Amino acid sequence: MRFQRDSSREEPELNLIPMIDVLLVIIIFLMLTTTYSKYAGLEIDLPTADASQTAEQPNEIDVAVTASGQILVNKTPLAEGDNQAIATALQQAAGGREKPVIVINADAKATHQRVIDVMQAAQSAGYPHISFATQSAE
């Protein structure tokens, strides 16, 4: 007597094609919705406020922006405050030095626009290296 049924059973198989299709759709969706950003502008080195005092470099041009909006280039006040006058003063202060670093000492209450004016004047004068001076919180 034989009580076993048909012994030629099919083994279940896992079909991977639908899973691959779903993964491809997810990858395409992620590629289409991802945003790629490009950063452009001035090269700015922002110093930290906790850093120790460094020795003054001879290739620096100090630009001070007061709370009232007056601009001083190497402690010499500018009569005019437009971008062209600032750029001319920066070129005169640089003399023949190559690639000077513009150090902006802006008062905490100075308007943001005056600092941007100095940055634009430095860029138009051909000086892309800009740094901001800070003081410690003590």
C-alpha atoms as a PDB file:
ATOM      1  CA  MET A   1       0.000   0.000   0.000  1.00  0.00           C
ATOM      2  CA  ARG A   2       1.184   3.360  -0.861  1.00  0.00           C
ATOM      3  CA  PHE A   3      -0.268   6.208   1.143  1.00  0.00           C
ATOM      4  CA  GLN A   4       1.946   9.034  -0.016  1.00  0.00           C
ATOM      5  CA  ARG A   5       0.577  11.376  -2.556  1.00  0.00           C
ATOM      6  CA  ASP A   6       2.366  12.666  -5.570  1.00  0.00           C
ATOM      7  CA  SER A   7       5.948  13.230  -4.436  1.00  0.00           C
ATOM      8  CA  SER A   8       6.832  15.555  -7.302  1.00  0.00           C
ATOM      9  CA  ARG A   9       5.900  18.788  -5.564  1.00  0.00           C
ATOM     10  CA  GLU A  10       7.019  22.094  -6.958  1.00  0.00           C
ATOM     11  CA  GLU A  11       9.294  24.067  -4.709  1.00  0.00           C
ATOM     12  CA  PRO A  12       8.212  27.677  -4.150  1.00  0.00           C
ATOM     13  CA  GLU A  13      10.519  30.195  -5.831  1.00  0.00           C
ATOM     14  CA  LEU A  14      11.050  33.815  -5.060  1.00  0.00           C
ATOM     15  CA  ASN A  15      10.501  36.132  -8.013  1.00  0.00           C
ATOM     16  CA  LEU A  16      12.945  39.071  -7.781  1.00  0.00           C
ATOM     17  CA  ILE A  17      11.834  40.993 -10.862  1.00  0.00           C
ATOM     18  CA  PRO A  18       8.967  42.916  -9.177  1.00  0.00           C
ATOM     19  CA  MET A  19      11.251  43.854  -6.292  1.00  0.00           C
ATOM     20  CA  ILE A  20      13.909  45.171  -8.700  1.00  0.00           C
ATOM     21  CA  ASP A  21      11.246  47.187 -10.537  1.00  0.00           C
ATOM     22  CA  VAL A  22      10.130  48.823  -7.298  1.00  0.00           C
ATOM     23  CA  LEU A  23      13.728  49.669  -6.334  1.00  0.00           C
ATOM     24  CA  LEU A  24      14.394  51.235  -9.739  1.00  0.00           C
ATOM     25  CA  VAL A  25      11.280  53.399  -9.396  1.00  0.00           C
ATOM     26  CA  ILE A  26      12.452  54.536  -5.938  1.00  0.00           C
ATOM     27  CA  ILE A  27      15.930  55.378  -7.274  1.00  0.00           C
ATOM     28  CA  ILE A  28      14.474  57.374 -10.169  1.00  0.00           C
ATOM     29  CA  PHE A  29      12.160  59.229  -7.785  1.00  0.00           C
ATOM     30  CA  LEU A  30      15.070  60.120  -5.486  1.00  0.00           C
ATOM     31  CA  MET A  31      17.218  61.287  -8.415  1.00  0.00           C
ATOM     32  CA  LEU A  32      14.460  63.563  -9.691  1.00  0.00           C
ATOM     33  CA  THR A  33      13.601  65.113  -6.332  1.00  0.00           C
ATOM     34  CA  THR A  34      17.175  65.706  -5.099  1.00  0.00           C
ATOM     35  CA  THR A  35      18.370  69.283  -5.342  1.00  0.00           C
ATOM     36  CA  TYR A  36      21.968  70.059  -6.149  1.00  0.00           C
ATOM     37  CA  SER A  37      23.189  73.377  -4.812  1.00  0.00           C
ATOM     38  CA  LYS A  38      26.198  75.317  -5.964  1.00  0.00           C
ATOM     39  CA  TYR A  39      27.839  77.810  -3.654  1.00  0.00           C
ATOM     40  CA  ALA A  40      29.305  80.870  -5.334  1.00  0.00           C
ATOM     41  CA  GLY A  41      30.503  84.190  -4.050  1.00  0.00           C
ATOM     42  CA  LEU A  42      33.381  85.683  -2.193  1.00  0.00           C
ATOM     43  CA  GLU A  43      35.983  83.607  -0.428  1.00  0.00           C
ATOM     44  CA  ILE A  44      35.566  84.537   3.223  1.00  0.00           C
ATOM     45  CA  ASP A  45      37.611  83.269   6.151  1.00  0.00           C
ATOM     46  CA  LEU A  46      35.599  83.621   9.330  1.00  0.00           C
ATOM     47  CA  PRO A  47      37.818  83.490  12.428  1.00  0.00           C
ATOM     48  CA  THR A  48      36.529  82.046  15.639  1.00  0.00           C
ATOM     49  CA  ALA A  49      36.141  84.291  18.640  1.00  0.00           C
ATOM     50  CA  ASP A  50      37.999  81.871  20.933  1.00  0.00           C
ATOM     51  CA  ALA A  51      41.217  81.912  18.907  1.00  0.00           C
ATOM     52  CA  SER A  52      44.305  83.404  20.427  1.00  0.00           C
ATOM     53  CA  GLN A  53      45.700  86.690  19.117  1.00  0.00           C
ATOM     54  CA  THR A  54      47.828  86.119  16.029  1.00  0.00           C
ATOM     55  CA  ALA A  55      50.731  88.248  14.984  1.00  0.00           C
ATOM     56  CA  GLU A  56      49.818  91.009  12.549  1.00  0.00           C
ATOM     57  CA  GLN A  57      50.620  90.038   8.993  1.00  0.00           C
ATOM     58  CA  PRO A  58      52.261  92.660   6.770  1.00  0.00           C
ATOM     59  CA  ASN A  59      49.965  91.736   3.896  1.00  0.00           C
ATOM     60  CA  GLU A  60      46.765  92.876   5.633  1.00  0.00           C
ATOM     61  CA  ILE A  61      44.604  95.926   4.982  1.00  0.00           C
ATOM     62  CA  ASP A  62      42.486  96.943   7.963  1.00  0.00           C
ATOM     63  CA  VAL A  63      39.042  98.324   7.140  1.00  0.00           C
ATOM     64  CA  ALA A  64      36.955  99.650  10.022  1.00  0.00           C
ATOM     65  CA  VAL A  65      33.201 100.260   9.807  1.00  0.00           C
ATOM     66  CA  THR A  66      31.879 102.412  12.642  1.00  0.00           C
ATOM     67  CA  ALA A  67      28.398 102.327  14.112  1.00  0.00           C
ATOM     68  CA  SER A  68      27.561 105.566  12.291  1.00  0.00           C
ATOM     69  CA  GLY A  69      28.551 104.007   8.947  1.00  0.00           C
ATOM     70  CA  GLN A  70      31.910 105.723   8.451  1.00  0.00           C
ATOM     71  CA  ILE A  71      34.595 103.622   6.747  1.00  0.00           C
ATOM     72  CA  LEU A  72      38.290 103.845   7.658  1.00  0.00           C
ATOM     73  CA  VAL A  73      40.982 102.155   5.553  1.00  0.00           C
ATOM     74  CA  ASN A  74      44.172 101.631   7.611  1.00  0.00           C
ATOM     75  CA  LYS A  75      42.839 104.204  10.136  1.00  0.00           C
ATOM     76  CA  THR A  76      42.350 106.824   7.397  1.00  0.00           C
ATOM     77  CA  PRO A  77      38.714 107.978   7.113  1.00  0.00           C
ATOM     78  CA  LEU A  78      37.135 108.095   3.653  1.00  0.00           C
ATOM     79  CA  ALA A  79      35.397 111.275   2.566  1.00  0.00           C
ATOM     80  CA  GLU A  80      33.043 109.407   0.237  1.00  0.00           C
ATOM     81  CA  GLY A  81      31.341 106.151   1.039  1.00  0.00           C
ATOM     82  CA  ASP A  82      30.482 104.720  -2.374  1.00  0.00           C
ATOM     83  CA  ASN A  83      31.933 101.429  -3.601  1.00  0.00           C
ATOM     84  CA  GLN A  84      34.277 103.027  -6.136  1.00  0.00           C
ATOM     85  CA  ALA A  85      35.855 105.285  -3.476  1.00  0.00           C
ATOM     86  CA  ILE A  86      36.312 102.306  -1.162  1.00  0.00           C
ATOM     87  CA  ALA A  87      37.895 100.240  -3.968  1.00  0.00           C
ATOM     88  CA  THR A  88      40.281 103.098  -4.824  1.00  0.00           C
ATOM     89  CA  ALA A  89      41.281 103.450  -1.163  1.00  0.00           C
ATOM     90  CA  LEU A  90      41.901  99.707  -0.931  1.00  0.00           C
ATOM     91  CA  GLN A  91      44.109  99.782  -4.036  1.00  0.00           C
ATOM     92  CA  GLN A  92      46.096 102.707  -2.616  1.00  0.00           C
ATOM     93  CA  ALA A  93      46.499 100.945   0.729  1.00  0.00           C
ATOM     94  CA  ALA A  94      47.649  97.748  -0.988  1.00  0.00           C
ATOM     95  CA  GLY A  95      50.339  99.542  -2.975  1.00  0.00           C
ATOM     96  CA  GLY A  96      52.196  96.892  -4.959  1.00  0.00           C
ATOM     97  CA  ARG A  97      51.463  93.971  -2.647  1.00  0.00           C
ATOM     98  CA  GLU A  98      49.975  90.883  -4.252  1.00  0.00           C
ATOM     99  CA  LYS A  99      46.828  89.308  -2.829  1.00  0.00           C
ATOM    100  CA  PRO A 100      46.419  91.313   0.376  1.00  0.00           C
ATOM    101  CA  VAL A 101      43.962  90.097   2.977  1.00  0.00           C
ATOM    102  CA  ILE A 102      41.167  92.570   3.737  1.00  0.00           C
ATOM    103  CA  VAL A 103      40.385  92.481   7.484  1.00  0.00           C
ATOM    104  CA  ILE A 104      36.993  94.019   8.242  1.00  0.00           C
ATOM    105  CA  ASN A 105      36.565  95.400  11.764  1.00  0.00           C
ATOM    106  CA  ALA A 106      32.862  96.217  11.895  1.00  0.00           C
ATOM    107  CA  ASP A 107      31.119  97.651  14.921  1.00  0.00           C
ATOM    108  CA  ALA A 108      28.352  95.441  16.276  1.00  0.00           C
ATOM    109  CA  LYS A 109      25.853  98.208  15.567  1.00  0.00           C
ATOM    110  CA  ALA A 110      27.110  98.960  12.048  1.00  0.00           C
ATOM    111  CA  THR A 111      24.587  98.369   9.294  1.00  0.00           C
ATOM    112  CA  HIS A 112      24.893  95.201   7.330  1.00  0.00           C
ATOM    113  CA  GLN A 113      24.786  97.178   4.076  1.00  0.00           C
ATOM    114  CA  ARG A 114      28.011  99.052   4.890  1.00  0.00           C
ATOM    115  CA  VAL A 115      29.860  95.765   5.460  1.00  0.00           C
ATOM    116  CA  ILE A 116      28.488  94.412   2.168  1.00  0.00           C
ATOM    117  CA  ASP A 117      29.648  97.627   0.451  1.00  0.00           C
ATOM    118  CA  VAL A 118      33.197  97.003   1.705  1.00  0.00           C
ATOM    119  CA  MET A 119      33.042  93.384   0.512  1.00  0.00           C
ATOM    120  CA  GLN A 120      31.817  94.426  -2.946  1.00  0.00           C
ATOM    121  CA  ALA A 121      34.503  97.102  -3.194  1.00  0.00           C
ATOM    122  CA  ALA A 122      37.172  94.535  -2.285  1.00  0.00           C
ATOM    123  CA  GLN A 123      35.866  92.182  -4.941  1.00  0.00           C
ATOM    124  CA  SER A 124      35.787  94.902  -7.600  1.00  0.00           C
ATOM    125  CA  ALA A 125      39.344  95.942  -6.649  1.00  0.00           C
ATOM    126  CA  GLY A 126      40.473  92.348  -7.207  1.00  0.00           C
ATOM    127  CA  TYR A 127      40.986  91.312  -3.586  1.00  0.00           C
ATOM    128  CA  PRO A 128      38.964  88.129  -2.933  1.00  0.00           C
ATOM    129  CA  HIS A 129      40.579  87.256   0.426  1.00  0.00           C
ATOM    130  CA  ILE A 130      38.465  88.760   3.200  1.00  0.00           C
ATOM    131  CA  SER A 131      38.551  88.125   6.925  1.00  0.00           C
ATOM    132  CA  PHE A 132      36.433  89.460   9.784  1.00  0.00           C
ATOM    133  CA  ALA A 133      37.953  90.542  13.082  1.00  0.00           C
ATOM    134  CA  THR A 134      36.201  89.482  16.276  1.00  0.00           C
ATOM    135  CA  GLN A 135      36.799  89.935  19.954  1.00  0.00           C
ATOM    136  CA  SER A 136      36.395  87.445  22.746  1.00  0.00           C
ATOM    137  CA  ALA A 137      33.280  87.562  24.892  1.00  0.00           C
ATOM    138  CA  GLU A 138      35.279  88.235  28.084  1.00  0.00           C
END
